[in-house]
PDB file of N, CA and C in Angstrom:
ATOM      1  N   MET A   1      25.711  90.410  47.675  1.00  0.00           N
ATOM      2  CA  MET A   1      26.749  89.497  46.558  1.00  0.00           C
ATOM      3  C   MET A   1      26.213  90.837  44.727  1.00  0.00           C
ATOM      4  N   ASP A   2      27.544  91.169  44.547  1.00  0.00           N
ATOM      5  CA  ASP A   2      27.541  91.326  42.888  1.00  0.00           C
ATOM      6  C   ASP A   2      26.999  90.642  42.192  1.00  0.00           C
ATOM      7  N   THR A   3      26.625  91.067  41.021  1.00  0.00           N
ATOM      8  CA  THR A   3      26.561  90.726  39.502  1.00  0.00           C
ATOM      9  C   THR A   3      28.126  89.796  39.374  1.00  0.00           C
ATOM     10  N   ALA A   4      28.930  90.266  39.952  1.00  0.00           N
ATOM     11  CA  ALA A   4      29.497  89.233  38.907  1.00  0.00           C
ATOM     12  C   ALA A   4      30.114  88.095  39.666  1.00  0.00           C
ATOM     13  N   THR A   5      30.094  88.192  41.006  1.00  0.00           N
ATOM     14  CA  THR A   5      30.037  86.954  41.880  1.00  0.00           C
ATOM     15  C   THR A   5      28.755  86.159  42.185  1.00  0.00           C
ATOM     16  N   VAL A   6      27.925  86.299  41.943  1.00  0.00           N
ATOM     17  CA  VAL A   6      26.357  85.546  41.132  1.00  0.00           C
ATOM     18  C   VAL A   6      26.868  84.536  40.391  1.00  0.00           C
ATOM     19  N   GLU A   7      27.789  85.885  39.202  1.00  0.00           N
ATOM     20  CA  GLU A   7      27.387  84.916  37.852  1.00  0.00           C
ATOM     21  C   GLU A   7      28.987  83.624  38.254  1.00  0.00           C
ATOM     22  N   VAL A   8      30.287  84.194  38.592  1.00  0.00           N
ATOM     23  CA  VAL A   8      31.133  82.828  38.798  1.00  0.00           C
ATOM     24  C   VAL A   8      29.803  81.671  39.953  1.00  0.00           C
ATOM     25  N   VAL A   9      29.736  82.594  40.903  1.00  0.00           N
ATOM     26  CA  VAL A   9      28.710  81.272  41.754  1.00  0.00           C
ATOM     27  C   VAL A   9      27.927  80.473  40.525  1.00  0.00           C
ATOM     28  N   VAL A  10      27.432  80.775  40.294  1.00  0.00           N
ATOM     29  CA  VAL A  10      26.149  80.059  38.717  1.00  0.00           C
ATOM     30  C   VAL A  10      27.561  79.042  37.995  1.00  0.00           C
ATOM     31  N   VAL A  11      27.907  79.992  37.448  1.00  0.00           N
ATOM     32  CA  VAL A  11      28.978  79.387  36.096  1.00  0.00           C
ATOM     33  C   VAL A  11      29.854  77.957  36.463  1.00  0.00           C
ATOM     34  N   MET A  12      30.663  78.808  37.637  1.00  0.00           N
ATOM     35  CA  MET A  12      31.639  77.739  38.170  1.00  0.00           C
ATOM     36  C   MET A  12      30.847  76.735  39.244  1.00  0.00           C
ATOM     37  N   GLY A  13      30.002  76.681  39.802  1.00  0.00           N
ATOM     38  CA  GLY A  13      29.627  76.456  41.251  1.00  0.00           C
ATOM     39  C   GLY A  13      30.621  76.864  42.124  1.00  0.00           C
ATOM     40  N   ALA A  14      31.028  77.754  42.279  1.00  0.00           N
ATOM     41  CA  ALA A  14      31.759  78.201  43.528  1.00  0.00           C
ATOM     42  C   ALA A  14      31.884  79.188  44.112  1.00  0.00           C
ATOM     43  N   LYS A  15      31.997  79.221  45.230  1.00  0.00           N
ATOM     44  CA  LYS A  15      32.000  80.244  46.626  1.00  0.00           C
ATOM     45  C   LYS A  15      33.175  81.547  46.239  1.00  0.00           C
ATOM     46  N   VAL A  16      33.087  82.753  46.446  1.00  0.00           N
ATOM     47  CA  VAL A  16      33.685  83.345  45.996  1.00  0.00           C
ATOM     48  C   VAL A  16      34.418  83.784  47.488  1.00  0.00           C
ATOM     49  N   LEU A  17      35.710  83.337  47.945  1.00  0.00           N
ATOM     50  CA  LEU A  17      36.221  84.053  49.381  1.00  0.00           C
ATOM     51  C   LEU A  17      36.594  85.380  49.223  1.00  0.00           C
ATOM     52  N   GLU A  18      37.409  85.976  48.618  1.00  0.00           N
ATOM     53  CA  GLU A  18      37.617  87.310  48.360  1.00  0.00           C
ATOM     54  C   GLU A  18      38.426  87.647  46.893  1.00  0.00           C
ATOM     55  N   ARG A  19      38.221  89.188  47.089  1.00  0.00           N
ATOM     56  CA  ARG A  19      38.289  89.553  45.340  1.00  0.00           C
ATOM     57  C   ARG A  19      39.715  90.494  46.129  1.00  0.00           C
ATOM     58  N   PHE A  20      40.834  90.121  44.518  1.00  0.00           N
ATOM     59  CA  PHE A  20      41.919  91.396  44.902  1.00  0.00           C
ATOM     60  C   PHE A  20      42.001  92.063  43.383  1.00  0.00           C
ATOM     61  N   PRO A  21      41.952  93.454  43.263  1.00  0.00           N
ATOM     62  CA  PRO A  21      42.112  94.436  41.959  1.00  0.00           C
ATOM     63  C   PRO A  21      43.134  94.054  41.161  1.00  0.00           C
ATOM     64  N   ALA A  22      43.345  93.434  40.000  1.00  0.00           N
ATOM     65  CA  ALA A  22      43.787  92.926  38.976  1.00  0.00           C
ATOM     66  C   ALA A  22      45.244  94.178  38.560  1.00  0.00           C
ATOM     67  N   GLY A  23      44.329  95.098  38.567  1.00  0.00           N
ATOM     68  CA  GLY A  23      45.803  96.246  38.539  1.00  0.00           C
ATOM     69  C   GLY A  23      46.661  96.219  40.030  1.00  0.00           C
ATOM     70  N   SER A  24      46.522  96.107  40.940  1.00  0.00           N
ATOM     71  CA  SER A  24      47.584  96.349  41.596  1.00  0.00           C
ATOM     72  C   SER A  24      48.991  96.030  41.547  1.00  0.00           C
ATOM     73  N   PRO A  25      49.755  96.602  41.746  1.00  0.00           N
ATOM     74  CA  PRO A  25      51.266  96.515  41.526  1.00  0.00           C
ATOM     75  C   PRO A  25      51.777  94.813  41.158  1.00  0.00           C
ATOM     76  N   ARG A  26      51.586  94.481  42.587  1.00  0.00           N
ATOM     77  CA  ARG A  26      51.843  92.644  42.598  1.00  0.00           C
ATOM     78  C   ARG A  26      51.011  91.628  41.714  1.00  0.00           C
ATOM     79  N   GLY A  27      50.273  92.515  40.785  1.00  0.00           N
ATOM     80  CA  GLY A  27      49.201  91.863  40.187  1.00  0.00           C
ATOM     81  C   GLY A  27      48.690  90.449  41.568  1.00  0.00           C
ATOM     82  N   SER A  28      48.527  89.208  40.673  1.00  0.00           N
ATOM     83  CA  SER A  28      48.040  88.432  41.567  1.00  0.00           C
ATOM     84  C   SER A  28      48.605  87.552  42.523  1.00  0.00           C
ATOM     85  N   TRP A  29      50.086  88.318  42.940  1.00  0.00           N
ATOM     86  CA  TRP A  29      50.628  87.547  44.254  1.00  0.00           C
ATOM     87  C   TRP A  29      49.642  87.754  45.572  1.00  0.00           C
ATOM     88  N   PRO A  30      48.740  88.927  45.957  1.00  0.00           N
ATOM     89  CA  PRO A  30      47.838  88.764  47.192  1.00  0.00           C
ATOM     90  C   PRO A  30      46.901  88.030  46.567  1.00  0.00           C
ATOM     91  N   ALA A  31      46.631  87.280  45.578  1.00  0.00           N
ATOM     92  CA  ALA A  31      45.180  86.365  45.775  1.00  0.00           C
ATOM     93  C   ALA A  31      46.178  85.170  45.907  1.00  0.00           C
ATOM     94  N   GLU A  32      47.154  84.978  45.369  1.00  0.00           N
ATOM     95  CA  GLU A  32      47.936  83.467  45.564  1.00  0.00           C
ATOM     96  C   GLU A  32      48.078  83.212  47.042  1.00  0.00           C
ATOM     97  N   GLU A  33      48.567  84.644  47.616  1.00  0.00           N
ATOM     98  CA  GLU A  33      49.358  84.576  48.676  1.00  0.00           C
ATOM     99  C   GLU A  33      47.833  84.078  49.460  1.00  0.00           C
ATOM    100  N   TYR A  34      46.913  84.634  49.573  1.00  0.00           N
ATOM    101  CA  TYR A  34      45.940  84.150  50.559  1.00  0.00           C
ATOM    102  C   TYR A  34      45.079  82.873  50.116  1.00  0.00           C
ATOM    103  N   ALA A  35      45.337  82.183  48.267  1.00  0.00           N
ATOM    104  CA  ALA A  35      44.455  81.442  48.338  1.00  0.00           C
ATOM    105  C   ALA A  35      45.500  80.252  49.133  1.00  0.00           C
ATOM    106  N   ALA A  36      46.985  80.795  48.842  1.00  0.00           N
ATOM    107  CA  ALA A  36      47.942  79.758  49.623  1.00  0.00           C
ATOM    108  C   ALA A  36      47.554  79.090  51.124  1.00  0.00           C
ATOM    109  N   ARG A  37      47.039  80.468  51.699  1.00  0.00           N
ATOM    110  CA  ARG A  37      46.861  80.348  53.196  1.00  0.00           C
ATOM    111  C   ARG A  37      45.752  79.609  53.646  1.00  0.00           C
ATOM    112  N   ARG A  38      44.619  79.236  53.151  1.00  0.00           N
ATOM    113  CA  ARG A  38      43.397  79.026  52.499  1.00  0.00           C
ATOM    114  C   ARG A  38      43.262  77.689  52.653  1.00  0.00           C
ATOM    115  N   ARG A  39      44.582  77.319  51.680  1.00  0.00           N
ATOM    116  CA  ARG A  39      44.784  75.907  51.415  1.00  0.00           C
ATOM    117  C   ARG A  39      45.503  74.994  52.256  1.00  0.00           C
ATOM    118  N   ALA A  40      46.340  75.863  53.264  1.00  0.00           N
ATOM    119  CA  ALA A  40      47.023  75.259  54.594  1.00  0.00           C
ATOM    120  C   ALA A  40      46.454  74.830  55.105  1.00  0.00           C
ATOM    121  N   GLN A  41      44.786  75.816  55.853  1.00  0.00           N
ATOM    122  CA  GLN A  41      44.457  75.546  56.261  1.00  0.00           C
ATOM    123  C   GLN A  41      42.807  74.123  55.932  1.00  0.00           C
ATOM    124  N   GLY A  42      43.154  73.412  54.532  1.00  0.00           N
ATOM    125  CA  GLY A  42      42.433  73.053  54.278  1.00  0.00           C
ATOM    126  C   GLY A  42      41.276  72.757  53.306  1.00  0.00           C
ATOM    127  N   GLU A  43      41.328  74.474  52.879  1.00  0.00           N
ATOM    128  CA  GLU A  43      40.077  74.519  52.115  1.00  0.00           C
ATOM    129  C   GLU A  43      40.650  74.324  50.194  1.00  0.00           C
ATOM    130  N   PRO A  44      40.014  74.116  49.463  1.00  0.00           N
ATOM    131  CA  PRO A  44      40.669  73.772  48.059  1.00  0.00           C
ATOM    132  C   PRO A  44      40.615  75.023  47.372  1.00  0.00           C
ATOM    133  N   ALA A  45      41.193  76.353  47.992  1.00  0.00           N
ATOM    134  CA  ALA A  45      41.012  77.203  47.552  1.00  0.00           C
ATOM    135  C   ALA A  45      41.531  77.725  46.602  1.00  0.00           C
ATOM    136  N   THR A  46      40.937  78.319  44.861  1.00  0.00           N
ATOM    137  CA  THR A  46      41.528  78.473  43.586  1.00  0.00           C
ATOM    138  C   THR A  46      41.191  80.068  43.091  1.00  0.00           C
ATOM    139  N   VAL A  47      42.563  80.521  42.710  1.00  0.00           N
ATOM    140  CA  VAL A  47      42.914  82.224  41.967  1.00  0.00           C
ATOM    141  C   VAL A  47      41.797  81.738  40.492  1.00  0.00           C
ATOM    142  N   VAL A  48      40.900  82.867  40.233  1.00  0.00           N
ATOM    143  CA  VAL A  48      40.354  82.445  38.989  1.00  0.00           C
ATOM    144  C   VAL A  48      40.448  84.627  38.849  1.00  0.00           C
ATOM    145  N   MET A  49      40.875  84.941  37.216  1.00  0.00           N
ATOM    146  CA  MET A  49      40.374  86.193  37.057  1.00  0.00           C
ATOM    147  C   MET A  49      39.010  86.038  36.759  1.00  0.00           C
ATOM    148  N   ASP A  50      38.638  87.180  36.493  1.00  0.00           N
ATOM    149  CA  ASP A  50      36.647  87.665  36.589  1.00  0.00           C
ATOM    150  C   ASP A  50      37.275  88.732  35.565  1.00  0.00           C
ATOM    151  N   LEU A  51      37.771  89.029  34.263  1.00  0.00           N
ATOM    152  CA  LEU A  51      37.424  89.555  33.287  1.00  0.00           C
ATOM    153  C   LEU A  51      36.806  91.124  33.291  1.00  0.00           C
ATOM    154  N   LYS A  52      35.404  90.480  33.531  1.00  0.00           N
ATOM    155  CA  LYS A  52      34.572  91.822  33.879  1.00  0.00           C
ATOM    156  C   LYS A  52      34.963  93.026  34.933  1.00  0.00           C
ATOM    157  N   THR A  53      35.377  92.236  35.917  1.00  0.00           N
ATOM    158  CA  THR A  53      35.739  93.469  37.145  1.00  0.00           C
ATOM    159  C   THR A  53      37.024  93.976  37.039  1.00  0.00           C
ATOM    160  N   ASP A  54      37.727  92.739  36.455  1.00  0.00           N
ATOM    161  CA  ASP A  54      39.365  93.251  36.468  1.00  0.00           C
ATOM    162  C   ASP A  54      39.984  92.790  37.636  1.00  0.00           C
ATOM    163  N   ALA A  55      39.333  91.700  38.061  1.00  0.00           N
ATOM    164  CA  ALA A  55      39.901  90.966  39.530  1.00  0.00           C
ATOM    165  C   ALA A  55      40.247  89.567  39.296  1.00  0.00           C
ATOM    166  N   PHE A  56      41.592  90.020  40.649  1.00  0.00           N
ATOM    167  CA  PHE A  56      41.259  88.025  41.159  1.00  0.00           C
ATOM    168  C   PHE A  56      40.923  87.531  42.052  1.00  0.00           C
ATOM    169  N   LEU A  57      40.052  86.655  41.486  1.00  0.00           N
ATOM    170  CA  LEU A  57      38.846  85.650  42.934  1.00  0.00           C
ATOM    171  C   LEU A  57      39.925  84.592  43.515  1.00  0.00           C
ATOM    172  N   VAL A  58      39.639  84.264  44.949  1.00  0.00           N
ATOM    173  CA  VAL A  58      39.918  83.790  45.752  1.00  0.00           C
ATOM    174  C   VAL A  58      38.289  83.234  45.575  1.00  0.00           C
ATOM    175  N   VAL A  59      38.317  81.281  45.063  1.00  0.00           N
ATOM    176  CA  VAL A  59      37.038  80.936  44.915  1.00  0.00           C
ATOM    177  C   VAL A  59      37.068  79.155  45.508  1.00  0.00           C
ATOM    178  N   VAL A  60      36.170  78.860  45.950  1.00  0.00           N
ATOM    179  CA  VAL A  60      36.123  77.285  46.739  1.00  0.00           C
ATOM    180  C   VAL A  60      34.936  77.021  46.044  1.00  0.00           C
ATOM    181  N   PRO A  61      35.050  75.509  45.586  1.00  0.00           N
ATOM    182  CA  PRO A  61      34.271  74.869  45.596  1.00  0.00           C
ATOM    183  C   PRO A  61      32.751  75.335  46.021  1.00  0.00           C
ATOM    184  N   ALA A  62      31.557  75.400  45.771  1.00  0.00           N
ATOM    185  CA  ALA A  62      30.318  75.493  46.541  1.00  0.00           C
ATOM    186  C   ALA A  62      30.059  74.306  47.174  1.00  0.00           C
ATOM    187  N   ARG A  63      29.674  74.532  48.331  1.00  0.00           N
ATOM    188  CA  ARG A  63      29.235  73.065  48.952  1.00  0.00           C
ATOM    189  C   ARG A  63      27.757  72.956  49.305  1.00  0.00           C
ATOM    190  N   GLU A  64      26.973  72.156  48.798  1.00  0.00           N
ATOM    191  CA  GLU A  64      25.891  71.697  48.996  1.00  0.00           C
ATOM    192  C   GLU A  64      25.077  71.643  50.423  1.00  0.00           C
ATOM    193  N   ASP A  65      23.951  72.461  50.343  1.00  0.00           N
ATOM    194  CA  ASP A  65      23.992  72.239  52.024  1.00  0.00           C
ATOM    195  C   ASP A  65      22.528  71.553  51.809  1.00  0.00           C
ATOM    196  N   LYS A  66      22.262  70.157  52.610  1.00  0.00           N
ATOM    197  CA  LYS A  66      20.773  69.819  52.130  1.00  0.00           C
ATOM    198  C   LYS A  66      20.733  69.291  53.551  1.00  0.00           C
TER     199      LYS A  66
END
């Protein structure tokens, strides 16, 4: 797990499912499409922007394993 992913997990309490470069010609669309597919499968996926790595992250709330 890279530093940016660790920071997202700690700050947001979220698990990063996938990352997409912000500089792609389609912008956030690939991330939004991926998140929509995950939501269709019942996961509460959200897209956030990681300014440090210039990437769109698809995240879900972290589950507390007890």
